[in-house]
Amino acid sequence: MAESLRRLVNIGTFTVLQDKLERWLQDYYLNTCDQNVARGCEIVELNAKVQGQLFKLLSVCASEGGMYGGANIIKSRLLPWLGQNFFTSGGSVTADTTLSVLADSASKDRELSELQALYEKSLDDLEAELNNTKAENQDLRDELTEKKIELDRSLRSSTSEKMFSEVEIRELRKKLADAQDEICKLRAKAGLVDDYERKIRNLRDEMSLSCISPTVGKWDYLDGDFTDTLKTYRYTPRLTSVLSIDDPMQRVRQQNLIARFNDMFAQDRLDALDTLRRYSDDHENNQRIIYTAISEAFSVAKLAFRQFKLKVRANLAKTHYGPDTLEEAVQDYINRNNDLYDLPGMVSDVIRAMNRNPKIFLPPDASFAIIQPFIREAVKMAWQMSSLAHPLDIAVATDAELFDDNKYRRSYDSEYTAPLVNHHIWPCLMQGIRVVVKGEALTRRGASLNSPRRGRSPVRPLSPYPRSRSRSVSPFRRSRSPSPRRSMSPGRWS
């Protein structure tokens, strides 16, 4: 019995019967009458075969119980179906009722399966949401811990700050001001350190020029005459012309000077502004002072270098010989001796030119010598740039000019829709007509309507050096004439 039942289950006849019924329902309106009748007969035949198998199983089950095995069940449930209305509707249970019961059972099974799937899905969603909530809670807990640590740190710092009384704060501020003044004085007296730095830079340049022949020996130019020095000079031939843009000396020095120009904008300029801020609260005027200082440094350095170069050319023309040109010999001498300039004198000229400028001013108790370290570095850089075979120079600029994006960038406090420059903050570095480093300018609307303001002060000293203390300029003098030319005696070079 069990083996026959297992065989009937493995055949899956009821599954085949259900599939045929579903396909018949799908194709019912597409089939003809004969096709639908044939489909029905086929299903009836299959059903009859299944019923025959079930009756065989029923008889086997009854025979296993003996003569009267299963008699009550057969009488109560099977005999009513064997009456004359077996294939017609009648009785308390009909074929439609049986089909509806089967359909209800199948639908309930499907609903149970769907409910189980929805339940499992909701459990997964709840578990994922719980994990996300735990992660958020952990983040909030970490953030709360960090805030607590930061609050404790700020509380400790505020508590330590309250320990200082107002008297101690005033004393600390006074000591800070004294220390800053001392630093300014030490920077002004650090000429010896500058000489060492210059020598180190020269040695680095000479080491990087591997294709250049060894230079002639250095001499003490402070003890001899300039003409005698030139007579002892002999030009050493090079592999490339010193006037070429690809000359190693030109490339190395140009890169170093461009880096120095950027360093002055990033560091020296800010130090000078900090110094000026102790004497004047006008930030725009302080920016104008810095720009005027760098502009006058280039003007004075170019003038001094032009005179120096003319004198070198005139003296070398008397003794020059060889296949190279005179200009190459002059430039070679300048490259080897680019530190022969009167730095204190040029610094004094820059300060005198700033005193004559009507667009900048300082309080009566201060002079432009307070930014002498910045002016000194600017003059040194301007001289080095002017002594190149292809010199670097700053662009000519005036207030209320049209803003040029190729030469300048706007400052953070500019009006970006304004077309005119109110004042320049840092110059544009150029080589011929090529922009090497952009400058910085402040643009505002109505820049052409701004009038220069100048606070008149008593006569201030023109130079921080003792030899210039006896000379002064009237506070009402607005002359823009250049300073008189200085003699190029070796005793004033440094």
Protein backbone atom coordinates (compact mmCIF):
# COMPACT_ATOMS: atom_id res chain seq x y z
CA MET A 1 0.00 0.00 0.00
CA ALA A 2 2.66 2.47 0.98
CA GLU A 3 4.65 1.72 -2.15
CA SER A 4 1.61 2.32 -4.44
CA LEU A 5 0.88 5.60 -2.67
CA ARG A 6 4.49 6.71 -3.03
CA ARG A 7 4.39 5.86 -6.75
CA LEU A 8 1.21 7.92 -7.20
CA VAL A 9 2.81 10.87 -5.42
CA ASN A 10 6.00 10.67 -7.48
CA ILE A 11 4.01 10.66 -10.72
CA GLY A 12 2.49 14.03 -9.81
CA THR A 13 -0.74 13.43 -11.68
CA PHE A 14 -2.64 16.12 -9.81
CA THR A 15 0.08 18.65 -10.67
CA VAL A 16 -0.24 17.71 -14.35
CA LEU A 17 -4.02 17.96 -14.07
CA GLN A 18 -3.74 21.45 -12.50
CA ASP A 19 -1.34 22.59 -15.23
CA LYS A 20 -3.68 21.37 -17.98
CA LEU A 21 -6.62 23.19 -16.37
CA GLU A 22 -4.59 26.46 -16.19
CA ARG A 23 -3.44 26.18 -19.82
CA TRP A 24 -7.03 25.43 -20.91
CA LEU A 25 -8.19 28.56 -19.08
CA GLN A 26 -5.54 30.69 -20.77
CA ASP A 27 -6.34 29.38 -24.28
CA TYR A 28 -10.09 28.98 -23.85
CA TYR A 29 -11.08 32.03 -25.91
CA LEU A 30 -8.47 31.30 -28.53
CA ASN A 31 -9.47 27.66 -29.17
CA THR A 32 -12.35 26.42 -31.27
CA CYS A 33 -15.28 24.49 -29.87
CA ASP A 34 -13.81 21.15 -30.90
CA GLN A 35 -10.48 22.04 -29.31
CA ASN A 36 -12.12 23.02 -26.02
CA VAL A 37 -14.18 19.77 -26.00
CA ALA A 38 -11.02 17.77 -26.71
CA ARG A 39 -9.22 19.53 -23.86
CA GLY A 40 -12.13 18.71 -21.54
CA CYS A 41 -12.21 15.06 -22.56
CA GLU A 42 -8.49 14.82 -22.03
CA ILE A 43 -8.80 16.21 -18.53
CA VAL A 44 -11.76 13.88 -17.76
CA GLU A 45 -9.75 10.89 -18.96
CA LEU A 46 -6.82 11.89 -16.81
CA ASN A 47 -9.13 12.44 -13.85
CA ALA A 48 -10.72 9.01 -14.43
CA LYS A 49 -7.29 7.38 -14.40
CA VAL A 50 -6.47 9.15 -11.16
CA GLN A 51 -9.79 8.06 -9.65
CA GLY A 52 -9.10 4.48 -10.72
CA GLN A 53 -5.79 4.57 -8.94
CA LEU A 54 -7.46 6.07 -5.87
CA PHE A 55 -10.16 3.35 -5.86
CA LYS A 56 -7.47 0.68 -6.06
CA LEU A 57 -5.71 2.28 -3.13
CA LEU A 58 -9.06 2.44 -1.30
CA SER A 59 -9.71 -1.25 -1.85
CA VAL A 60 -6.23 -2.18 -0.72
CA CYS A 61 -6.64 -0.06 2.41
CA ALA A 62 -10.03 -1.72 3.13
CA SER A 63 -8.63 -5.22 2.58
CA GLU A 64 -5.89 -4.59 5.12
CA GLY A 65 -8.58 -4.16 7.80
CA GLY A 66 -10.23 -7.54 7.23
CA MET A 67 -13.77 -8.32 6.14
CA TYR A 68 -15.28 -5.27 7.80
CA GLY A 69 -12.25 -2.97 7.63
CA GLY A 70 -13.23 0.59 6.81
CA ALA A 71 -16.89 -0.31 6.33
CA ASN A 72 -18.21 2.57 8.38
CA ILE A 73 -16.16 5.16 6.52
CA ILE A 74 -17.20 3.72 3.13
CA LYS A 75 -20.87 3.74 4.12
CA SER A 76 -20.83 7.25 5.48
CA ARG A 77 -18.73 8.98 2.86
CA LEU A 78 -18.54 6.91 -0.34
CA LEU A 79 -22.03 5.37 -0.76
CA PRO A 80 -23.82 8.75 -1.04
CA TRP A 81 -21.71 9.51 -4.12
CA LEU A 82 -22.69 6.21 -5.78
CA GLY A 83 -26.37 7.07 -6.11
CA GLN A 84 -28.20 7.92 -9.29
CA ASN A 85 -27.21 11.59 -9.07
CA PHE A 86 -23.50 10.85 -8.98
CA PHE A 87 -22.75 13.04 -12.01
CA THR A 88 -25.51 15.60 -11.40
CA SER A 89 -25.85 18.28 -8.83
CA GLY A 90 -27.67 17.12 -5.76
CA GLY A 91 -27.21 16.33 -2.12
CA SER A 92 -25.65 18.53 0.45
CA VAL A 93 -22.23 18.51 -1.19
CA THR A 94 -21.89 19.38 -4.90
CA ALA A 95 -18.97 19.43 -7.29
CA ASP A 96 -18.93 23.22 -7.22
CA THR A 97 -18.81 23.09 -3.45
CA THR A 98 -15.83 20.77 -3.56
CA LEU A 99 -14.01 22.94 -6.06
CA SER A 100 -14.70 26.07 -4.03
CA VAL A 101 -13.41 24.35 -0.92
CA LEU A 102 -10.25 23.36 -2.78
CA ALA A 103 -9.88 26.90 -4.15
CA ASP A 104 -10.36 28.40 -0.70
CA SER A 105 -7.77 26.04 0.71
CA ALA A 106 -5.29 26.91 -2.03
CA SER A 107 -5.90 30.64 -1.58
CA LYS A 108 -5.41 30.33 2.17
CA ASP A 109 -2.15 28.49 1.58
CA ARG A 110 -0.98 31.28 -0.73
CA GLU A 111 -2.03 33.93 1.78
CA LEU A 112 -0.15 32.12 4.49
CA SER A 113 2.95 31.96 2.29
CA GLU A 114 2.67 35.66 1.46
CA LEU A 115 2.18 36.56 5.11
CA GLN A 116 5.19 34.49 6.06
CA ALA A 117 7.31 36.22 3.39
CA LEU A 118 6.11 39.66 4.51
CA TYR A 119 6.82 38.75 8.11
CA GLU A 120 10.35 37.64 7.30
CA LYS A 121 10.94 40.77 5.21
CA SER A 122 9.64 43.01 8.00
CA LEU A 123 11.94 41.23 10.43
CA ASP A 124 14.91 41.88 8.15
CA ASP A 125 13.95 45.55 7.77
CA LEU A 126 13.55 45.94 11.50
CA GLU A 127 16.91 44.30 12.11
CA ALA A 128 18.62 46.58 9.57
CA GLU A 129 16.93 49.64 11.09
CA LEU A 130 18.01 48.50 14.54
CA ASN A 131 21.62 48.19 13.37
CA ASN A 132 21.50 51.68 11.81
CA THR A 133 20.02 53.08 14.99
CA LYS A 134 22.77 51.45 17.04
CA ALA A 135 25.42 52.93 14.70
CA GLU A 136 23.86 56.41 14.97
CA ASN A 137 23.68 56.10 18.74
CA GLN A 138 27.36 55.15 18.82
CA ASP A 139 28.26 58.15 16.65
CA LEU A 140 26.23 60.43 18.89
CA ARG A 141 27.91 58.91 21.93
CA ASP A 142 31.37 59.52 20.40
CA GLU A 143 30.46 63.06 19.43
CA LEU A 144 29.12 63.71 22.91
CA THR A 145 32.39 62.41 24.38
CA GLU A 146 34.44 64.69 22.09
CA LYS A 147 32.28 67.69 22.96
CA LYS A 148 32.68 66.91 26.63
CA ILE A 149 36.47 66.71 26.27
CA GLU A 150 36.52 69.98 24.31
CA LEU A 151 34.28 71.63 26.90
CA ASP A 152 36.58 70.48 29.70
CA ARG A 153 39.60 71.79 27.79
CA SER A 154 37.98 75.18 27.18
CA LEU A 155 36.88 75.29 30.82
CA ARG A 156 40.43 74.60 31.97
CA SER A 157 41.85 77.22 29.59
CA SER A 158 39.30 79.83 30.65
CA THR A 159 40.02 79.05 34.29
CA SER A 160 43.76 79.45 33.72
CA GLU A 161 43.21 82.73 31.87
CA LYS A 162 41.16 84.12 34.73
CA MET A 163 44.15 83.57 37.01
CA PHE A 164 45.94 86.49 35.34
CA SER A 165 44.95 89.84 36.70
CA GLU A 166 44.67 92.98 34.60
CA VAL A 167 47.96 94.29 35.97
CA GLU A 168 49.81 91.15 34.85
CA ILE A 169 48.21 91.38 31.40
CA ARG A 170 49.37 94.99 31.00
CA GLU A 171 52.87 94.00 32.06
CA LEU A 172 52.94 91.15 29.57
CA ARG A 173 51.80 93.46 26.77
CA LYS A 174 54.49 95.94 27.68
CA LYS A 175 57.13 93.21 27.65
CA LEU A 176 55.86 92.01 24.27
CA ALA A 177 56.14 95.50 22.78
CA ASP A 178 59.67 95.88 24.17
CA ALA A 179 60.63 92.51 22.73
CA GLN A 180 59.27 93.46 19.31
CA ASP A 181 61.23 96.73 19.36
CA GLU A 182 64.36 94.83 20.31
CA ILE A 183 63.79 92.43 17.41
CA CYS A 184 63.49 95.35 14.99
CA LYS A 185 66.75 96.82 16.28
CA LEU A 186 68.53 93.49 15.98
CA ARG A 187 67.28 93.02 12.43
CA ALA A 188 68.56 96.47 11.52
CA LYS A 189 72.03 95.54 12.88
CA ALA A 190 72.15 92.09 11.24
CA GLY A 191 74.22 93.19 8.27
CA LEU A 192 76.90 90.63 8.97
CA VAL A 193 74.37 87.79 8.80
CA ASP A 194 73.15 89.11 5.46
CA ASP A 195 76.71 89.03 4.12
CA TYR A 196 77.09 85.41 5.17
CA GLU A 197 73.78 84.51 3.52
CA ARG A 198 74.87 86.23 0.33
CA LYS A 199 78.14 84.31 0.27
CA ILE A 200 76.28 81.03 0.85
CA ARG A 201 73.94 81.76 -2.05
CA ASN A 202 76.87 82.59 -4.29
CA LEU A 203 78.61 79.33 -3.37
CA ARG A 204 75.43 77.36 -4.07
CA ASP A 205 75.07 79.01 -7.48
CA GLU A 206 78.69 78.23 -8.34
CA MET A 207 78.29 74.59 -7.28
CA SER A 208 75.15 74.16 -9.41
CA LEU A 209 76.89 75.49 -12.54
CA SER A 210 78.86 72.40 -13.50
CA CYS A 211 79.41 73.51 -17.08
CA ILE A 212 81.08 76.78 -16.08
CA SER A 213 84.85 77.01 -15.73
CA PRO A 214 86.30 77.81 -12.30
CA THR A 215 86.05 81.52 -11.53
CA VAL A 216 88.98 83.73 -10.81
CA GLY A 217 89.97 84.26 -7.20
CA LYS A 218 88.01 86.69 -5.04
CA TRP A 219 89.63 89.89 -3.96
CA ASP A 220 89.01 92.40 -1.23
CA TYR A 221 87.35 95.17 -3.23
CA LEU A 222 87.14 97.40 -0.18
CA ASP A 223 90.94 97.79 0.01
CA GLY A 224 91.73 98.49 -3.66
CA ASP A 225 90.63 100.77 -6.47
CA PHE A 226 87.82 99.75 -8.83
CA THR A 227 89.99 100.27 -11.94
CA ASP A 228 92.83 98.14 -10.55
CA THR A 229 90.34 95.40 -9.80
CA LEU A 230 89.11 95.39 -13.39
CA LYS A 231 92.67 95.19 -14.70
CA THR A 232 93.26 91.94 -12.83
CA TYR A 233 90.08 90.41 -14.24
CA ARG A 234 90.36 87.89 -17.07
CA TYR A 235 87.31 86.57 -18.89
CA THR A 236 87.00 82.75 -18.94
CA PRO A 237 85.29 81.30 -22.04
CA ARG A 238 82.05 79.41 -21.51
CA LEU A 239 80.26 76.65 -23.34
CA THR A 240 77.17 78.86 -23.79
CA SER A 241 76.82 82.60 -24.04
CA VAL A 242 76.12 84.42 -20.78
CA LEU A 243 73.58 86.54 -22.67
CA SER A 244 71.51 83.49 -23.59
CA ILE A 245 68.21 82.84 -21.85
CA ASP A 246 69.31 79.18 -21.42
CA ASP A 247 72.55 80.08 -19.64
CA PRO A 248 72.84 78.01 -16.39
CA MET A 249 73.71 81.10 -14.38
CA GLN A 250 70.64 82.88 -15.71
CA ARG A 251 68.35 79.95 -14.96
CA VAL A 252 69.62 79.26 -11.44
CA ARG A 253 69.66 82.86 -10.31
CA GLN A 254 66.28 83.57 -11.90
CA GLN A 255 64.65 80.64 -10.09
CA ASN A 256 66.16 81.67 -6.76
CA LEU A 257 65.07 85.28 -7.19
CA ILE A 258 61.51 84.31 -8.12
CA ALA A 259 61.36 82.14 -4.99
CA ARG A 260 62.71 85.05 -2.95
CA PHE A 261 60.07 87.37 -4.48
CA ASN A 262 57.32 84.98 -3.37
CA ASP A 263 58.86 84.65 0.11
CA MET A 264 58.91 88.42 0.53
CA PHE A 265 55.20 88.56 -0.33
CA ALA A 266 54.33 85.70 2.03
CA GLN A 267 56.55 86.55 5.01
CA ASP A 268 58.54 89.83 4.88
CA ARG A 269 55.54 91.85 3.73
CA LEU A 270 53.42 90.59 6.64
CA ASP A 271 56.21 91.35 9.12
CA ALA A 272 56.45 94.89 7.79
CA LEU A 273 52.67 95.30 8.04
CA ASP A 274 52.80 94.15 11.66
CA THR A 275 55.45 96.79 12.36
CA LEU A 276 53.42 99.53 10.65
CA ARG A 277 50.27 98.49 12.49
CA ARG A 278 51.85 99.56 15.78
CA TYR A 279 52.11 103.13 14.48
CA SER A 280 49.13 103.44 12.12
CA ASP A 281 45.71 101.78 12.13
CA ASP A 282 45.00 102.68 8.48
CA HIS A 283 45.37 99.31 6.76
CA GLU A 284 45.04 100.76 3.27
CA ASN A 285 47.77 103.34 3.96
CA ASN A 286 50.03 100.58 5.32
CA GLN A 287 49.52 98.56 2.15
CA ARG A 288 50.37 101.63 0.06
CA ILE A 289 53.57 102.11 2.10
CA ILE A 290 54.68 98.54 1.42
CA TYR A 291 53.95 98.82 -2.30
CA THR A 292 55.72 102.19 -2.51
CA ALA A 293 58.75 100.74 -0.73
CA ILE A 294 59.10 97.83 -3.16
CA SER A 295 58.50 100.12 -6.18
CA GLU A 296 61.08 102.69 -5.06
CA ALA A 297 63.55 99.88 -4.29
CA PHE A 298 63.34 98.69 -7.89
CA SER A 299 63.66 102.25 -9.23
CA VAL A 300 66.73 103.03 -7.12
CA ALA A 301 68.33 99.64 -7.81
CA LYS A 302 67.83 99.93 -11.59
CA LEU A 303 69.35 103.42 -11.63
CA ALA A 304 72.36 102.34 -9.54
CA PHE A 305 72.88 99.20 -11.63
CA ARG A 306 72.75 101.20 -14.87
CA GLN A 307 75.56 103.43 -13.62
CA PHE A 308 77.53 100.41 -12.39
CA LYS A 309 77.19 98.63 -15.72
CA LEU A 310 78.28 101.71 -17.68
CA LYS A 311 81.39 102.01 -15.55
CA VAL A 312 82.22 98.29 -15.94
CA ARG A 313 81.79 98.49 -19.72
CA ALA A 314 83.97 101.60 -19.96
CA ASN A 315 86.82 100.00 -17.99
CA LEU A 316 86.65 96.59 -19.68
CA ALA A 317 86.65 98.16 -23.14
CA LYS A 318 90.24 99.23 -22.56
CA THR A 319 91.62 95.75 -21.88
CA HIS A 320 89.12 93.39 -23.53
CA TYR A 321 90.35 90.93 -26.15
CA GLY A 322 89.33 87.49 -27.38
CA PRO A 323 86.65 85.91 -29.54
CA ASP A 324 83.78 86.86 -27.18
CA THR A 325 81.98 90.18 -27.37
CA LEU A 326 82.37 93.03 -24.94
CA GLU A 327 78.79 92.61 -23.72
CA GLU A 328 79.47 89.00 -22.81
CA ALA A 329 82.57 90.00 -20.88
CA VAL A 330 80.61 92.73 -19.04
CA GLN A 331 77.81 90.32 -18.12
CA ASP A 332 80.29 87.69 -17.01
CA TYR A 333 81.97 90.18 -14.70
CA ILE A 334 78.58 91.24 -13.30
CA ASN A 335 77.59 87.61 -12.68
CA ARG A 336 80.79 86.96 -10.75
CA ASN A 337 80.67 90.22 -8.78
CA ASN A 338 76.96 90.96 -8.33
CA ASP A 339 77.47 92.03 -4.71
CA LEU A 340 79.43 95.21 -5.55
CA TYR A 341 76.74 97.75 -4.71
CA ASP A 342 76.14 100.48 -2.14
CA LEU A 343 73.33 98.96 -0.10
CA PRO A 344 73.15 101.59 2.71
CA GLY A 345 73.11 104.41 0.17
CA MET A 346 70.32 102.83 -1.86
CA VAL A 347 68.26 102.20 1.29
CA SER A 348 68.63 105.89 2.15
CA ASP A 349 67.50 106.87 -1.36
CA VAL A 350 64.40 104.68 -1.04
CA ILE A 351 63.46 106.29 2.30
CA ARG A 352 63.95 109.79 0.82
CA ALA A 353 61.75 108.89 -2.15
CA MET A 354 59.04 107.60 0.21
CA ASN A 355 59.18 110.86 2.16
CA ARG A 356 58.43 112.74 -1.06
CA ASN A 357 55.44 110.57 -1.94
CA PRO A 358 52.16 112.42 -1.14
CA LYS A 359 50.00 109.27 -1.07
CA ILE A 360 51.52 107.73 2.05
CA PHE A 361 51.92 109.08 5.56
CA LEU A 362 52.87 108.13 9.11
CA PRO A 363 52.30 109.78 12.51
CA PRO A 364 54.68 112.63 13.44
CA ASP A 365 56.58 110.44 15.91
CA ALA A 366 57.45 107.78 13.30
CA SER A 367 59.44 107.59 10.10
CA PHE A 368 59.65 105.14 7.24
CA ALA A 369 62.89 103.83 8.74
CA ILE A 370 60.79 101.55 10.95
CA ILE A 371 60.49 99.17 7.98
CA GLN A 372 64.18 99.43 7.10
CA PRO A 373 64.72 95.60 7.22
CA PHE A 374 62.02 95.17 4.56
CA ILE A 375 63.46 97.99 2.43
CA ARG A 376 66.95 96.50 2.75
CA GLU A 377 65.76 93.08 1.51
CA ALA A 378 63.75 94.69 -1.28
CA VAL A 379 66.79 96.66 -2.50
CA LYS A 380 69.00 93.56 -2.45
CA MET A 381 66.42 91.57 -4.41
CA ALA A 382 65.88 94.38 -6.92
CA TRP A 383 69.65 94.69 -7.52
CA GLN A 384 70.01 90.94 -8.07
CA MET A 385 67.08 90.94 -10.53
CA SER A 386 68.49 93.94 -12.41
CA SER A 387 71.91 92.27 -12.74
CA LEU A 388 70.53 89.29 -14.69
CA ALA A 389 71.36 88.97 -18.37
CA HIS A 390 67.60 89.03 -18.96
CA PRO A 391 66.52 91.19 -16.02
CA LEU A 392 63.33 90.83 -14.00
CA ASP A 393 61.33 93.98 -13.33
CA ILE A 394 58.00 94.98 -11.86
CA ALA A 395 55.17 96.25 -14.04
CA VAL A 396 54.37 99.93 -14.17
CA ALA A 397 51.14 100.58 -12.24
CA THR A 398 49.01 103.57 -11.29
CA ASP A 399 45.96 104.00 -9.12
CA ALA A 400 42.55 103.99 -10.82
CA GLU A 401 43.90 102.00 -13.77
CA LEU A 402 41.86 99.31 -15.47
CA PHE A 403 42.26 95.97 -13.67
CA ASP A 404 44.25 93.42 -15.69
CA ASP A 405 43.55 89.76 -14.88
CA ASN A 406 46.77 88.71 -16.60
CA LYS A 407 48.96 90.76 -14.25
CA TYR A 408 47.11 90.94 -10.95
CA ARG A 409 44.76 88.97 -8.74
CA ARG A 410 42.13 90.64 -6.60
CA SER A 411 42.54 90.80 -2.84
CA TYR A 412 40.01 89.14 -0.56
CA ASP A 413 38.35 92.47 0.37
CA SER A 414 37.99 93.70 -3.23
CA GLU A 415 34.74 94.44 -5.02
CA TYR A 416 34.87 91.80 -7.74
CA THR A 417 32.55 93.71 -10.07
CA ALA A 418 34.64 96.89 -9.94
CA PRO A 419 36.72 97.46 -13.10
CA LEU A 420 39.25 99.94 -11.65
CA VAL A 421 42.14 99.46 -9.21
CA ASN A 422 41.85 101.42 -5.98
CA HIS A 423 45.46 100.70 -4.97
CA HIS A 424 48.09 98.02 -5.52
CA ILE A 425 49.15 95.67 -2.74
CA TRP A 426 52.03 93.81 -4.42
CA PRO A 427 53.67 94.43 -7.82
CA CYS A 428 53.57 92.15 -10.85
CA LEU A 429 56.96 90.58 -11.71
CA MET A 430 57.73 90.57 -15.44
CA GLN A 431 60.53 89.66 -17.80
CA GLY A 432 60.14 91.81 -20.86
CA ILE A 433 56.47 91.48 -21.81
CA ARG A 434 56.04 88.07 -20.14
CA VAL A 435 54.33 87.89 -16.75
CA VAL A 436 56.40 85.74 -14.39
CA VAL A 437 54.51 86.19 -11.10
CA LYS A 438 51.15 87.86 -10.68
CA GLY A 439 50.76 90.77 -8.30
CA GLU A 440 47.83 91.68 -6.07
CA ALA A 441 45.51 94.68 -6.23
CA LEU A 442 42.38 95.94 -4.50
CA THR A 443 39.49 97.00 -6.72
CA ARG A 444 36.63 99.23 -5.68
CA ARG A 445 33.97 101.20 -7.43
CA GLY A 446 34.75 104.90 -7.78
CA ALA A 447 38.46 104.30 -7.43
CA SER A 448 39.25 107.28 -9.69
CA LEU A 449 37.41 109.58 -7.25
CA ASN A 450 39.63 108.73 -4.29
CA SER A 451 42.02 111.52 -3.37
CA PRO A 452 45.31 110.75 -1.65
CA ARG A 453 45.37 111.56 2.02
CA ARG A 454 48.56 112.69 3.70
CA GLY A 455 48.91 113.47 7.36
CA ARG A 456 51.48 116.25 7.68
CA SER A 457 54.09 115.69 10.31
CA PRO A 458 57.20 117.55 11.41
CA VAL A 459 60.47 116.98 9.64
CA ARG A 460 61.44 113.30 9.98
CA PRO A 461 64.95 111.97 9.49
CA LEU A 462 65.57 110.87 5.91
CA SER A 463 68.00 108.08 6.64
CA PRO A 464 68.75 105.85 9.61
CA TYR A 465 72.50 106.23 9.01
CA PRO A 466 74.59 108.88 10.81
CA ARG A 467 75.93 110.37 7.58
CA SER A 468 72.41 111.41 6.54
CA ARG A 469 71.13 112.86 9.82
CA SER A 470 72.18 116.37 8.92
CA ARG A 471 70.00 116.41 5.81
CA SER A 472 66.20 116.83 5.96
CA VAL A 473 63.26 117.64 3.72
CA SER A 474 60.66 120.26 4.37
CA PRO A 475 57.22 118.81 5.27
CA PHE A 476 55.62 120.92 2.53
CA ARG A 477 57.93 119.76 -0.21
CA ARG A 478 56.19 117.61 -2.87
CA SER A 479 58.95 117.44 -5.43
CA ARG A 480 59.18 114.17 -7.36
CA SER A 481 62.63 114.81 -8.85
CA PRO A 482 65.04 111.88 -8.53
CA SER A 483 67.76 111.99 -5.95
CA PRO A 484 71.19 113.25 -7.06
CA ARG A 485 73.57 110.66 -8.42
CA ARG A 486 76.06 109.24 -5.99
CA SER A 487 79.69 108.57 -6.62
CA MET A 488 80.53 104.90 -7.04
CA SER A 489 83.51 104.89 -4.71
CA PRO A 490 84.35 101.42 -3.43
CA GLY A 491 84.28 102.61 0.17
CA ARG A 492 80.47 102.77 0.15
CA TRP A 493 79.80 99.30 -1.22
CA SER A 494 78.62 96.48 0.98
